[in-house]
Amino acid sequence: MSIIIKPIITEKITKEGEVFNRFGFVVDKKANKIQIKNAVEAAYGVNVVAVNTMNYRADRTVKFTKSGLISGKTNAYKKAIVQVQEGETIDFYNNI
């Protein structure tokens, strides 16, 4: 089971990475904070200080068009904000 699905690279999280050493990841919905901490430490070789998690629900939309109702939804996911030890950093761009 892969715990880390993908890193989140947005303007807000990039700024938090520079200022507070916090980095964001989309993780498995069933993973807990201890599993996320161990997965990040193993994958990137850093010491994790704190882990905050958020569950995002699926947003459902309905559009009224000429051909009738069109319904859609976004995927539900779990986001983890990981704070690493002072002086350490995670470089997402090193193996591009």
N, C-alpha and C. Protein backbone atom coordinates (compact mmCIF):
# COMPACT_ATOMS: atom_id res chain seq x y z
N MET A 1 0.84 -1.18 0.00
CA MET A 1 0.00 0.00 0.00
C MET A 1 0.88 1.24 0.00
N SER A 2 0.68 2.09 -0.97
CA SER A 2 1.43 3.33 -1.06
C SER A 2 0.69 4.41 -0.28
N ILE A 3 1.34 4.99 0.69
CA ILE A 3 0.68 5.98 1.54
C ILE A 3 0.70 7.35 0.89
N ILE A 4 1.83 7.76 0.34
CA ILE A 4 1.92 9.05 -0.32
C ILE A 4 1.50 8.88 -1.78
N ILE A 5 0.45 9.58 -2.18
CA ILE A 5 -0.03 9.50 -3.55
C ILE A 5 0.70 10.50 -4.43
N LYS A 6 0.72 11.78 -4.02
CA LYS A 6 1.44 12.80 -4.78
C LYS A 6 1.68 14.02 -3.90
N PRO A 7 2.72 14.80 -4.20
CA PRO A 7 2.91 16.05 -3.46
C PRO A 7 1.97 17.13 -4.00
N ILE A 8 1.65 18.07 -3.15
CA ILE A 8 0.83 19.21 -3.55
C ILE A 8 1.76 20.39 -3.79
N ILE A 9 1.72 20.92 -5.00
CA ILE A 9 2.59 22.05 -5.35
C ILE A 9 1.69 23.21 -5.75
N THR A 10 1.36 24.04 -4.77
CA THR A 10 0.58 25.25 -5.02
C THR A 10 1.37 26.44 -4.50
N GLU A 11 0.88 27.62 -4.82
CA GLU A 11 1.58 28.82 -4.38
C GLU A 11 1.59 28.94 -2.86
N LYS A 12 0.47 28.61 -2.23
CA LYS A 12 0.36 28.74 -0.78
C LYS A 12 1.27 27.74 -0.06
N ILE A 13 1.27 26.50 -0.49
CA ILE A 13 2.10 25.49 0.18
C ILE A 13 3.59 25.70 -0.12
N THR A 14 3.91 26.21 -1.30
CA THR A 14 5.30 26.53 -1.60
C THR A 14 5.81 27.63 -0.68
N LYS A 15 4.98 28.63 -0.41
CA LYS A 15 5.37 29.71 0.51
C LYS A 15 5.53 29.17 1.93
N GLU A 16 4.63 28.29 2.37
CA GLU A 16 4.77 27.69 3.70
C GLU A 16 6.02 26.84 3.79
N GLY A 17 6.42 26.20 2.69
CA GLY A 17 7.65 25.41 2.68
C GLY A 17 8.87 26.28 2.86
N GLU A 18 8.85 27.46 2.27
CA GLU A 18 9.98 28.37 2.40
C GLU A 18 10.05 29.01 3.79
N VAL A 19 8.90 29.36 4.35
CA VAL A 19 8.88 30.10 5.61
C VAL A 19 8.86 29.18 6.82
N PHE A 20 7.96 28.17 6.81
CA PHE A 20 7.73 27.35 8.01
C PHE A 20 8.20 25.91 7.87
N ASN A 21 8.83 25.53 6.76
CA ASN A 21 9.26 24.15 6.49
C ASN A 21 8.08 23.18 6.51
N ARG A 22 6.96 23.57 5.91
CA ARG A 22 5.78 22.71 5.80
C ARG A 22 5.56 22.33 4.35
N PHE A 23 5.24 21.06 4.12
CA PHE A 23 5.05 20.56 2.77
C PHE A 23 3.75 19.75 2.73
N GLY A 24 3.06 19.80 1.59
CA GLY A 24 1.76 19.15 1.48
C GLY A 24 1.80 17.92 0.59
N PHE A 25 0.99 16.92 0.96
CA PHE A 25 0.89 15.68 0.20
C PHE A 25 -0.56 15.24 0.16
N VAL A 26 -0.95 14.62 -0.96
CA VAL A 26 -2.21 13.88 -1.02
C VAL A 26 -1.86 12.47 -0.59
N VAL A 27 -2.56 11.96 0.42
CA VAL A 27 -2.22 10.65 0.99
C VAL A 27 -3.43 9.72 0.92
N ASP A 28 -3.18 8.45 1.23
CA ASP A 28 -4.23 7.45 1.27
C ASP A 28 -5.25 7.82 2.34
N LYS A 29 -6.55 7.61 2.04
CA LYS A 29 -7.62 8.00 2.97
C LYS A 29 -7.57 7.26 4.29
N LYS A 30 -7.04 6.04 4.29
CA LYS A 30 -7.03 5.23 5.51
C LYS A 30 -5.74 5.37 6.31
N ALA A 31 -4.78 6.17 5.85
CA ALA A 31 -3.51 6.32 6.55
C ALA A 31 -3.66 7.25 7.75
N ASN A 32 -2.97 6.90 8.84
CA ASN A 32 -2.99 7.77 10.02
C ASN A 32 -1.71 8.60 10.05
N LYS A 33 -1.59 9.47 11.06
CA LYS A 33 -0.47 10.41 11.11
C LYS A 33 0.88 9.70 11.30
N ILE A 34 0.91 8.63 12.05
CA ILE A 34 2.17 7.90 12.28
C ILE A 34 2.64 7.25 10.98
N GLN A 35 1.72 6.65 10.22
CA GLN A 35 2.08 6.05 8.94
C GLN A 35 2.56 7.10 7.95
N ILE A 36 1.91 8.26 7.92
CA ILE A 36 2.32 9.34 7.03
C ILE A 36 3.71 9.84 7.41
N LYS A 37 3.97 10.00 8.69
CA LYS A 37 5.28 10.45 9.17
C LYS A 37 6.37 9.47 8.74
N ASN A 38 6.15 8.17 8.94
CA ASN A 38 7.15 7.17 8.57
C ASN A 38 7.36 7.12 7.06
N ALA A 39 6.30 7.30 6.26
CA ALA A 39 6.42 7.26 4.81
C ALA A 39 7.22 8.45 4.28
N VAL A 40 6.99 9.63 4.83
CA VAL A 40 7.72 10.83 4.39
C VAL A 40 9.18 10.74 4.80
N GLU A 41 9.46 10.26 6.01
CA GLU A 41 10.84 10.12 6.45
C GLU A 41 11.59 9.10 5.59
N ALA A 42 10.92 8.01 5.20
CA ALA A 42 11.58 7.00 4.37
C ALA A 42 11.78 7.47 2.94
N ALA A 43 10.81 8.21 2.40
CA ALA A 43 10.89 8.61 1.00
C ALA A 43 11.85 9.77 0.77
N TYR A 44 11.91 10.72 1.70
CA TYR A 44 12.69 11.94 1.46
C TYR A 44 13.89 12.09 2.39
N GLY A 45 14.06 11.25 3.39
CA GLY A 45 15.21 11.30 4.27
C GLY A 45 15.26 12.53 5.15
N VAL A 46 14.12 12.95 5.68
CA VAL A 46 14.06 14.11 6.57
C VAL A 46 13.45 13.69 7.89
N ASN A 47 13.62 14.52 8.91
CA ASN A 47 12.99 14.28 10.20
C ASN A 47 11.70 15.09 10.29
N VAL A 48 10.57 14.42 10.52
CA VAL A 48 9.26 15.07 10.57
C VAL A 48 8.96 15.47 12.00
N VAL A 49 8.56 16.74 12.18
CA VAL A 49 8.23 17.26 13.50
C VAL A 49 6.74 17.12 13.78
N ALA A 50 5.89 17.47 12.81
CA ALA A 50 4.44 17.44 13.03
C ALA A 50 3.73 17.07 11.74
N VAL A 51 2.55 16.46 11.89
CA VAL A 51 1.71 16.09 10.75
C VAL A 51 0.29 16.55 11.04
N ASN A 52 -0.29 17.32 10.13
CA ASN A 52 -1.69 17.72 10.21
C ASN A 52 -2.42 17.13 9.01
N THR A 53 -3.62 16.57 9.23
CA THR A 53 -4.36 15.95 8.14
C THR A 53 -5.73 16.59 7.99
N MET A 54 -6.24 16.56 6.75
CA MET A 54 -7.56 17.09 6.42
C MET A 54 -8.23 16.15 5.45
N ASN A 55 -9.51 15.85 5.68
CA ASN A 55 -10.30 15.06 4.75
C ASN A 55 -11.17 16.00 3.93
N TYR A 56 -11.06 15.90 2.59
CA TYR A 56 -11.87 16.69 1.69
C TYR A 56 -12.97 15.81 1.12
N ARG A 57 -14.19 16.28 1.17
CA ARG A 57 -15.32 15.50 0.67
C ARG A 57 -15.48 15.72 -0.83
N ALA A 58 -16.25 14.87 -1.46
CA ALA A 58 -16.53 15.00 -2.88
C ALA A 58 -17.57 16.10 -3.09
N ASP A 59 -17.29 17.03 -3.98
CA ASP A 59 -18.24 18.09 -4.30
C ASP A 59 -19.09 17.65 -5.48
N ARG A 60 -20.38 17.75 -5.32
CA ARG A 60 -21.29 17.35 -6.39
C ARG A 60 -21.87 18.60 -7.04
N THR A 61 -22.00 18.54 -8.37
CA THR A 61 -22.55 19.67 -9.11
C THR A 61 -23.63 19.18 -10.06
N VAL A 62 -24.58 20.06 -10.33
CA VAL A 62 -25.63 19.78 -11.30
C VAL A 62 -25.72 20.98 -12.23
N LYS A 63 -25.67 20.73 -13.54
CA LYS A 63 -25.75 21.79 -14.54
C LYS A 63 -27.01 21.59 -15.36
N PHE A 64 -27.75 22.66 -15.57
CA PHE A 64 -28.94 22.63 -16.40
C PHE A 64 -28.55 23.07 -17.80
N THR A 65 -28.66 22.18 -18.77
CA THR A 65 -28.29 22.50 -20.14
C THR A 65 -29.50 22.26 -21.06
N LYS A 66 -29.31 22.56 -22.34
CA LYS A 66 -30.38 22.32 -23.32
C LYS A 66 -30.73 20.84 -23.43
N SER A 67 -29.72 20.00 -23.28
CA SER A 67 -29.97 18.57 -23.43
C SER A 67 -30.43 17.91 -22.13
N GLY A 68 -30.55 18.65 -21.06
CA GLY A 68 -31.04 18.11 -19.81
C GLY A 68 -30.07 18.34 -18.66
N LEU A 69 -30.24 17.60 -17.59
CA LEU A 69 -29.39 17.74 -16.42
C LEU A 69 -28.09 16.96 -16.61
N ILE A 70 -26.98 17.59 -16.26
CA ILE A 70 -25.68 16.92 -16.27
C ILE A 70 -25.14 17.00 -14.86
N SER A 71 -24.90 15.84 -14.26
CA SER A 71 -24.38 15.82 -12.90
C SER A 71 -22.93 15.36 -12.92
N GLY A 72 -22.15 15.88 -11.98
CA GLY A 72 -20.75 15.50 -11.88
C GLY A 72 -20.27 15.65 -10.45
N LYS A 73 -19.07 15.16 -10.19
CA LYS A 73 -18.50 15.30 -8.86
C LYS A 73 -16.99 15.28 -8.94
N THR A 74 -16.36 15.87 -7.91
CA THR A 74 -14.92 15.80 -7.77
C THR A 74 -14.59 14.66 -6.82
N ASN A 75 -13.37 14.20 -6.85
CA ASN A 75 -12.95 13.09 -6.00
C ASN A 75 -12.73 13.56 -4.56
N ALA A 76 -13.03 12.68 -3.63
CA ALA A 76 -12.71 12.92 -2.23
C ALA A 76 -11.28 12.47 -1.99
N TYR A 77 -10.54 13.20 -1.13
CA TYR A 77 -9.16 12.85 -0.85
C TYR A 77 -8.76 13.32 0.53
N LYS A 78 -7.60 12.86 0.97
CA LYS A 78 -7.05 13.26 2.27
C LYS A 78 -5.75 14.00 2.02
N LYS A 79 -5.60 15.14 2.67
CA LYS A 79 -4.41 15.96 2.50
C LYS A 79 -3.64 15.99 3.81
N ALA A 80 -2.32 15.91 3.72
CA ALA A 80 -1.46 15.96 4.91
C ALA A 80 -0.47 17.11 4.75
N ILE A 81 -0.36 17.93 5.79
CA ILE A 81 0.64 18.99 5.86
C ILE A 81 1.71 18.51 6.84
N VAL A 82 2.93 18.36 6.33
CA VAL A 82 4.03 17.79 7.11
C VAL A 82 5.05 18.88 7.39
N GLN A 83 5.40 19.06 8.67
CA GLN A 83 6.43 20.03 9.05
C GLN A 83 7.71 19.28 9.35
N VAL A 84 8.79 19.66 8.66
CA VAL A 84 10.07 19.00 8.87
C VAL A 84 10.93 19.82 9.81
N GLN A 85 12.01 19.21 10.28
CA GLN A 85 12.89 19.85 11.26
C GLN A 85 13.57 21.07 10.65
N GLU A 86 13.90 22.02 11.50
CA GLU A 86 14.53 23.26 11.06
C GLU A 86 15.86 22.95 10.37
N GLY A 87 16.07 23.57 9.23
CA GLY A 87 17.30 23.37 8.47
C GLY A 87 17.20 22.29 7.40
N GLU A 88 16.15 21.48 7.42
CA GLU A 88 15.95 20.45 6.41
C GLU A 88 14.87 20.90 5.43
N THR A 89 14.90 20.37 4.22
CA THR A 89 13.92 20.72 3.21
C THR A 89 13.66 19.53 2.30
N ILE A 90 12.54 19.57 1.61
CA ILE A 90 12.19 18.55 0.63
C ILE A 90 12.20 19.22 -0.73
N ASP A 91 12.98 18.66 -1.67
CA ASP A 91 13.06 19.21 -3.02
C ASP A 91 12.28 18.30 -3.96
N PHE A 92 11.13 18.78 -4.44
CA PHE A 92 10.29 17.98 -5.33
C PHE A 92 10.81 17.98 -6.76
N TYR A 93 11.69 18.91 -7.11
CA TYR A 93 12.12 19.09 -8.50
C TYR A 93 13.46 18.45 -8.80
N ASN A 94 14.09 17.73 -7.87
CA ASN A 94 15.45 17.25 -8.09
C ASN A 94 15.54 16.12 -9.10
N ASN A 95 14.48 15.34 -9.32
CA ASN A 95 14.57 14.21 -10.26
C ASN A 95 13.65 14.39 -11.46
N ILE A 96 13.56 15.60 -11.96
CA ILE A 96 12.78 15.85 -13.19
C ILE A 96 13.69 15.68 -14.38
